[in-house]
Amino acid sequence: MIRRISLILIAALLFTASTASAFNHHRQGFALGVGLGVTPKARWETNFRAEEHVGFGVNGYIGYGWDAHNLLLFEVNSTRCGSEEVDWTDQGFIGPAWYHYFGRPGRSAFTMVGMGLYNFSSTYWGTLFEETRTRTNDPGPGMLLGGGYEFARHLQIGGYLGFGRTTGVLGNYDHVHFSILVGAMGY
């Protein structure tokens, strides 16, 4: 279900962006980017248990800039951490996000807000059949807030705070993660 929604949104964004001039260096038209960094805090919590870890973060986005200051992007902002109970946990935001840049391309502070879904999965080594298994929660509502600075044309650093709720075998899971990411965006 999530894959279908994601593919439909990406196709709609690509169709919309195809009429604009791609990669004109003015933040207008088609935009595509990726970021990598550290997640100093990733927390998940149920009524029975809570875990907080440090991990690494990643984001990817694709979308359209309607002027030099505003972009509407479809973003995936995720983190992967080790865990006490399982080998790995992956959690993060997926959905539309609005980026606002305050200055000209190459030297500008920016803010962003996104509302969409939050996902959570855990990966562990199964002892019975000695194979890797992944347990995925049902996604729930999520939000992503962020801000940062574009220090060179197409290069930026930002802090992103994501939070949301998923549903799994232990009931509702509440999540929060904070990532510091260095990103490259083509526009």
C-alpha atoms as a PDB file:
ATOM      1  CA  MET A   1       0.000   0.000   0.000  1.00  0.00           C
ATOM      2  CA  ILE A   2       2.755   2.454   0.957  1.00  0.00           C
ATOM      3  CA  ARG A   3       4.733   1.558  -2.161  1.00  0.00           C
ATOM      4  CA  ARG A   4       1.732   2.211  -4.383  1.00  0.00           C
ATOM      5  CA  ILE A   5       1.077   5.600  -2.782  1.00  0.00           C
ATOM      6  CA  SER A   6       4.780   6.463  -3.053  1.00  0.00           C
ATOM      7  CA  LEU A   7       4.937   5.500  -6.723  1.00  0.00           C
ATOM      8  CA  ILE A   8       1.793   7.492  -7.548  1.00  0.00           C
ATOM      9  CA  LEU A   9       3.147  10.589  -5.777  1.00  0.00           C
ATOM     10  CA  ILE A  10       6.553  10.293  -7.449  1.00  0.00           C
ATOM     11  CA  ALA A  11       4.931   9.848 -10.869  1.00  0.00           C
ATOM     12  CA  ALA A  12       2.726  12.904 -10.290  1.00  0.00           C
ATOM     13  CA  LEU A  13       5.715  14.994  -9.205  1.00  0.00           C
ATOM     14  CA  LEU A  14       7.772  13.860 -12.194  1.00  0.00           C
ATOM     15  CA  PHE A  15       4.927  14.644 -14.600  1.00  0.00           C
ATOM     16  CA  THR A  16       4.514  18.102 -13.069  1.00  0.00           C
ATOM     17  CA  ALA A  17       8.247  18.777 -13.093  1.00  0.00           C
ATOM     18  CA  SER A  18       8.753  17.574 -16.661  1.00  0.00           C
ATOM     19  CA  THR A  19       7.209  20.757 -18.062  1.00  0.00           C
ATOM     20  CA  ALA A  20       9.723  22.950 -16.253  1.00  0.00           C
ATOM     21  CA  SER A  21      13.360  23.356 -17.095  1.00  0.00           C
ATOM     22  CA  ALA A  22      15.264  20.771 -15.114  1.00  0.00           C
ATOM     23  CA  PHE A  23      18.414  21.672 -13.182  1.00  0.00           C
ATOM     24  CA  ASN A  24      18.440  25.399 -13.994  1.00  0.00           C
ATOM     25  CA  HIS A  25      20.448  26.224 -10.790  1.00  0.00           C
ATOM     26  CA  HIS A  26      17.710  28.577  -9.529  1.00  0.00           C
ATOM     27  CA  ARG A  27      15.665  26.152  -7.362  1.00  0.00           C
ATOM     28  CA  GLN A  28      12.858  26.318  -9.929  1.00  0.00           C
ATOM     29  CA  GLY A  29      11.579  23.219 -11.670  1.00  0.00           C
ATOM     30  CA  PHE A  30      12.675  19.663 -10.997  1.00  0.00           C
ATOM     31  CA  ALA A  31      14.659  18.978  -7.794  1.00  0.00           C
ATOM     32  CA  LEU A  32      16.375  15.790  -6.648  1.00  0.00           C
ATOM     33  CA  GLY A  33      18.611  15.188  -3.640  1.00  0.00           C
ATOM     34  CA  VAL A  34      20.112  12.914  -1.014  1.00  0.00           C
ATOM     35  CA  GLY A  35      21.666  13.445   2.423  1.00  0.00           C
ATOM     36  CA  LEU A  36      23.747  11.408   4.879  1.00  0.00           C
ATOM     37  CA  GLY A  37      24.702  11.969   8.474  1.00  0.00           C
ATOM     38  CA  VAL A  38      24.359  11.038  12.109  1.00  0.00           C
ATOM     39  CA  THR A  39      21.318  10.503  14.302  1.00  0.00           C
ATOM     40  CA  PRO A  40      22.290  11.416  17.876  1.00  0.00           C
ATOM     41  CA  LYS A  41      18.848  10.419  19.141  1.00  0.00           C
ATOM     42  CA  ALA A  42      16.442   7.769  17.888  1.00  0.00           C
ATOM     43  CA  ARG A  43      13.805   6.635  20.374  1.00  0.00           C
ATOM     44  CA  TRP A  44      10.878   4.245  20.259  1.00  0.00           C
ATOM     45  CA  GLU A  45       8.556   3.530  23.136  1.00  0.00           C
ATOM     46  CA  THR A  46       5.588   1.297  23.992  1.00  0.00           C
ATOM     47  CA  ASN A  47       3.639   0.842  27.217  1.00  0.00           C
ATOM     48  CA  PHE A  48       6.051  -1.975  28.105  1.00  0.00           C
ATOM     49  CA  ARG A  49       9.448  -0.882  26.841  1.00  0.00           C
ATOM     50  CA  ALA A  50      11.489   2.071  25.573  1.00  0.00           C
ATOM     51  CA  GLU A  51      14.820   2.236  23.759  1.00  0.00           C
ATOM     52  CA  GLU A  52      17.000   5.176  22.753  1.00  0.00           C
ATOM     53  CA  HIS A  53      20.073   4.861  20.530  1.00  0.00           C
ATOM     54  CA  VAL A  54      22.561   6.662  18.322  1.00  0.00           C
ATOM     55  CA  GLY A  55      22.614   5.693  14.651  1.00  0.00           C
ATOM     56  CA  PHE A  56      23.115   6.981  11.156  1.00  0.00           C
ATOM     57  CA  GLY A  57      20.594   8.914   9.126  1.00  0.00           C
ATOM     58  CA  VAL A  58      19.740   9.295   5.490  1.00  0.00           C
ATOM     59  CA  ASN A  59      17.218  11.252   3.469  1.00  0.00           C
ATOM     60  CA  GLY A  60      16.220  11.375  -0.154  1.00  0.00           C
ATOM     61  CA  TYR A  61      13.818  13.721  -1.896  1.00  0.00           C
ATOM     62  CA  ILE A  62      12.337  14.455  -5.272  1.00  0.00           C
ATOM     63  CA  GLY A  63       9.965  17.209  -6.284  1.00  0.00           C
ATOM     64  CA  TYR A  64       9.360  20.608  -7.762  1.00  0.00           C
ATOM     65  CA  GLY A  65      10.383  24.181  -6.970  1.00  0.00           C
ATOM     66  CA  TRP A  66       7.778  26.724  -7.984  1.00  0.00           C
ATOM     67  CA  ASP A  67      10.096  29.693  -7.357  1.00  0.00           C
ATOM     68  CA  ALA A  68      13.597  30.381  -6.006  1.00  0.00           C
ATOM     69  CA  HIS A  69      12.421  30.133  -2.391  1.00  0.00           C
ATOM     70  CA  ASN A  70       9.816  27.327  -2.175  1.00  0.00           C
ATOM     71  CA  LEU A  71      10.035  23.645  -3.042  1.00  0.00           C
ATOM     72  CA  LEU A  72       7.464  20.878  -2.592  1.00  0.00           C
ATOM     73  CA  LEU A  73       9.311  17.582  -2.241  1.00  0.00           C
ATOM     74  CA  PHE A  74       8.422  13.974  -1.551  1.00  0.00           C
ATOM     75  CA  GLU A  75      10.881  13.029   1.203  1.00  0.00           C
ATOM     76  CA  VAL A  76      12.072   9.880   2.910  1.00  0.00           C
ATOM     77  CA  ASN A  77      13.971  10.704   6.115  1.00  0.00           C
ATOM     78  CA  SER A  78      15.113   7.589   7.969  1.00  0.00           C
ATOM     79  CA  THR A  79      17.524   6.364  10.613  1.00  0.00           C
ATOM     80  CA  ARG A  80      19.071   2.977  11.383  1.00  0.00           C
ATOM     81  CA  CYS A  81      20.237   2.061  14.881  1.00  0.00           C
ATOM     82  CA  GLY A  82      21.478  -0.942  16.765  1.00  0.00           C
ATOM     83  CA  SER A  83      19.155  -2.239  19.456  1.00  0.00           C
ATOM     84  CA  GLU A  84      19.236  -4.134  22.749  1.00  0.00           C
ATOM     85  CA  GLU A  85      16.347  -6.420  21.841  1.00  0.00           C
ATOM     86  CA  VAL A  86      16.922  -6.932  18.099  1.00  0.00           C
ATOM     87  CA  ASP A  87      19.897  -6.454  15.765  1.00  0.00           C
ATOM     88  CA  TRP A  88      18.684  -3.316  13.914  1.00  0.00           C
ATOM     89  CA  THR A  89      15.791  -0.904  13.964  1.00  0.00           C
ATOM     90  CA  ASP A  90      14.807   1.346  11.082  1.00  0.00           C
ATOM     91  CA  GLN A  91      12.424   4.217  11.654  1.00  0.00           C
ATOM     92  CA  GLY A  92      11.538   7.335   9.767  1.00  0.00           C
ATOM     93  CA  PHE A  93       9.251   9.716   7.949  1.00  0.00           C
ATOM     94  CA  ILE A  94       7.880   9.378   4.426  1.00  0.00           C
ATOM     95  CA  GLY A  95       5.671  11.969   2.741  1.00  0.00           C
ATOM     96  CA  PRO A  96       5.399  15.454   1.243  1.00  0.00           C
ATOM     97  CA  ALA A  97       7.592  18.230   2.656  1.00  0.00           C
ATOM     98  CA  TRP A  98       7.735  21.966   2.004  1.00  0.00           C
ATOM     99  CA  TYR A  99      11.164  23.620   1.975  1.00  0.00           C
ATOM    100  CA  HIS A 100      11.458  27.404   2.217  1.00  0.00           C
ATOM    101  CA  TYR A 101      14.786  29.107   1.458  1.00  0.00           C
ATOM    102  CA  PHE A 102      15.246  32.659   2.733  1.00  0.00           C
ATOM    103  CA  GLY A 103      17.952  33.803   0.318  1.00  0.00           C
ATOM    104  CA  ARG A 104      19.475  33.273  -3.082  1.00  0.00           C
ATOM    105  CA  PRO A 105      20.809  29.852  -4.160  1.00  0.00           C
ATOM    106  CA  GLY A 106      24.182  29.091  -2.646  1.00  0.00           C
ATOM    107  CA  ARG A 107      23.958  31.085   0.598  1.00  0.00           C
ATOM    108  CA  SER A 108      20.669  30.698   2.415  1.00  0.00           C
ATOM    109  CA  ALA A 109      19.066  29.488   5.591  1.00  0.00           C
ATOM    110  CA  PHE A 110      16.091  27.180   5.112  1.00  0.00           C
ATOM    111  CA  THR A 111      13.217  25.677   7.044  1.00  0.00           C
ATOM    112  CA  MET A 112      11.092  22.674   6.225  1.00  0.00           C
ATOM    113  CA  VAL A 113       7.920  20.978   7.402  1.00  0.00           C
ATOM    114  CA  GLY A 114       6.473  17.662   6.315  1.00  0.00           C
ATOM    115  CA  MET A 115       3.350  15.706   7.171  1.00  0.00           C
ATOM    116  CA  GLY A 116       2.938  12.095   6.137  1.00  0.00           C
ATOM    117  CA  LEU A 117       3.545   8.605   7.498  1.00  0.00           C
ATOM    118  CA  TYR A 118       5.980   7.218  10.027  1.00  0.00           C
ATOM    119  CA  ASN A 119       7.440   3.711   9.559  1.00  0.00           C
ATOM    120  CA  PHE A 120       9.218   1.319  11.920  1.00  0.00           C
ATOM    121  CA  SER A 121      10.804  -2.078  11.365  1.00  0.00           C
ATOM    122  CA  SER A 122      13.173  -4.293  13.295  1.00  0.00           C
ATOM    123  CA  THR A 123      15.605  -6.871  11.954  1.00  0.00           C
ATOM    124  CA  TYR A 124      16.903  -9.781  13.988  1.00  0.00           C
ATOM    125  CA  TRP A 125      18.758 -13.028  13.530  1.00  0.00           C
ATOM    126  CA  GLY A 126      16.319 -15.942  13.892  1.00  0.00           C
ATOM    127  CA  THR A 127      17.765 -18.739  16.023  1.00  0.00           C
ATOM    128  CA  LEU A 128      15.371 -21.477  14.902  1.00  0.00           C
ATOM    129  CA  PHE A 129      16.237 -21.445  11.191  1.00  0.00           C
ATOM    130  CA  GLU A 130      19.346 -19.240  11.434  1.00  0.00           C
ATOM    131  CA  GLU A 131      18.072 -16.603   9.032  1.00  0.00           C
ATOM    132  CA  THR A 132      17.516 -12.875   9.168  1.00  0.00           C
ATOM    133  CA  ARG A 133      13.939 -11.842   9.880  1.00  0.00           C
ATOM    134  CA  THR A 134      12.299  -8.444   9.686  1.00  0.00           C
ATOM    135  CA  ARG A 135       9.220  -7.376  11.603  1.00  0.00           C
ATOM    136  CA  THR A 136       7.450  -4.302  10.265  1.00  0.00           C
ATOM    137  CA  ASN A 137       4.889  -2.255  12.163  1.00  0.00           C
ATOM    138  CA  ASP A 138       1.818  -0.776  10.514  1.00  0.00           C
ATOM    139  CA  PRO A 139       2.672   2.826   9.566  1.00  0.00           C
ATOM    140  CA  GLY A 140       0.948   5.706  11.292  1.00  0.00           C
ATOM    141  CA  PRO A 141       0.831   9.481  11.193  1.00  0.00           C
ATOM    142  CA  GLY A 142       4.149  11.289  11.217  1.00  0.00           C
ATOM    143  CA  MET A 143       5.631  14.749  11.029  1.00  0.00           C
ATOM    144  CA  LEU A 144       9.051  16.106  10.114  1.00  0.00           C
ATOM    145  CA  LEU A 145      10.427  19.537  11.073  1.00  0.00           C
ATOM    146  CA  GLY A 146      13.802  20.881  10.094  1.00  0.00           C
ATOM    147  CA  GLY A 147      16.062  23.733   9.266  1.00  0.00           C
ATOM    148  CA  GLY A 148      19.574  24.432   8.179  1.00  0.00           C
ATOM    149  CA  TYR A 149      21.840  26.312   5.834  1.00  0.00           C
ATOM    150  CA  GLU A 150      22.721  25.952   2.166  1.00  0.00           C
ATOM    151  CA  PHE A 151      26.449  26.773   2.351  1.00  0.00           C
ATOM    152  CA  ALA A 152      27.220  26.300  -1.353  1.00  0.00           C
ATOM    153  CA  ARG A 153      25.061  25.920  -4.428  1.00  0.00           C
ATOM    154  CA  HIS A 154      23.555  22.392  -4.226  1.00  0.00           C
ATOM    155  CA  LEU A 155      25.122  21.596  -0.794  1.00  0.00           C
ATOM    156  CA  GLN A 156      23.403  22.050   2.560  1.00  0.00           C
ATOM    157  CA  ILE A 157      23.472  20.946   6.183  1.00  0.00           C
ATOM    158  CA  GLY A 158      20.347  20.567   8.264  1.00  0.00           C
ATOM    159  CA  GLY A 159      18.827  19.256  11.444  1.00  0.00           C
ATOM    160  CA  TYR A 160      15.632  17.179  11.143  1.00  0.00           C
ATOM    161  CA  LEU A 161      13.239  16.214  13.938  1.00  0.00           C
ATOM    162  CA  GLY A 162      10.823  13.427  13.030  1.00  0.00           C
ATOM    163  CA  PHE A 163       8.116  11.961  15.194  1.00  0.00           C
ATOM    164  CA  GLY A 164       5.140   9.694  14.761  1.00  0.00           C
ATOM    165  CA  ARG A 165       3.212   6.643  15.894  1.00  0.00           C
ATOM    166  CA  THR A 166       3.085   3.107  14.518  1.00  0.00           C
ATOM    167  CA  THR A 167       1.180  -0.016  15.539  1.00  0.00           C
ATOM    168  CA  GLY A 168       2.859  -3.368  16.174  1.00  0.00           C
ATOM    169  CA  VAL A 169       2.614  -6.577  18.157  1.00  0.00           C
ATOM    170  CA  LEU A 170       2.993  -4.725  21.483  1.00  0.00           C
ATOM    171  CA  GLY A 171       0.374  -2.094  20.626  1.00  0.00           C
ATOM    172  CA  ASN A 172       1.165   1.516  19.761  1.00  0.00           C
ATOM    173  CA  TYR A 173       4.766   2.622  19.374  1.00  0.00           C
ATOM    174  CA  ASP A 174       5.698   6.293  19.800  1.00  0.00           C
ATOM    175  CA  HIS A 175       8.788   7.417  17.891  1.00  0.00           C
ATOM    176  CA  VAL A 176      11.109  10.391  17.730  1.00  0.00           C
ATOM    177  CA  HIS A 177      14.390  10.857  15.902  1.00  0.00           C
ATOM    178  CA  PHE A 178      16.758  13.776  15.407  1.00  0.00           C
ATOM    179  CA  SER A 179      19.262  13.674  12.538  1.00  0.00           C
ATOM    180  CA  ILE A 180      22.005  16.021  11.367  1.00  0.00           C
ATOM    181  CA  LEU A 181      22.462  15.496   7.636  1.00  0.00           C
ATOM    182  CA  VAL A 182      24.709  16.922   4.927  1.00  0.00           C
ATOM    183  CA  GLY A 183      22.842  16.902   1.648  1.00  0.00           C
ATOM    184  CA  ALA A 184      23.331  17.469  -2.054  1.00  0.00           C
ATOM    185  CA  MET A 185      20.392  18.761  -4.087  1.00  0.00           C
ATOM    186  CA  GLY A 186      20.234  19.149  -7.839  1.00  0.00           C
ATOM    187  CA  TYR A 187      17.845  21.850  -9.034  1.00  0.00           C
END
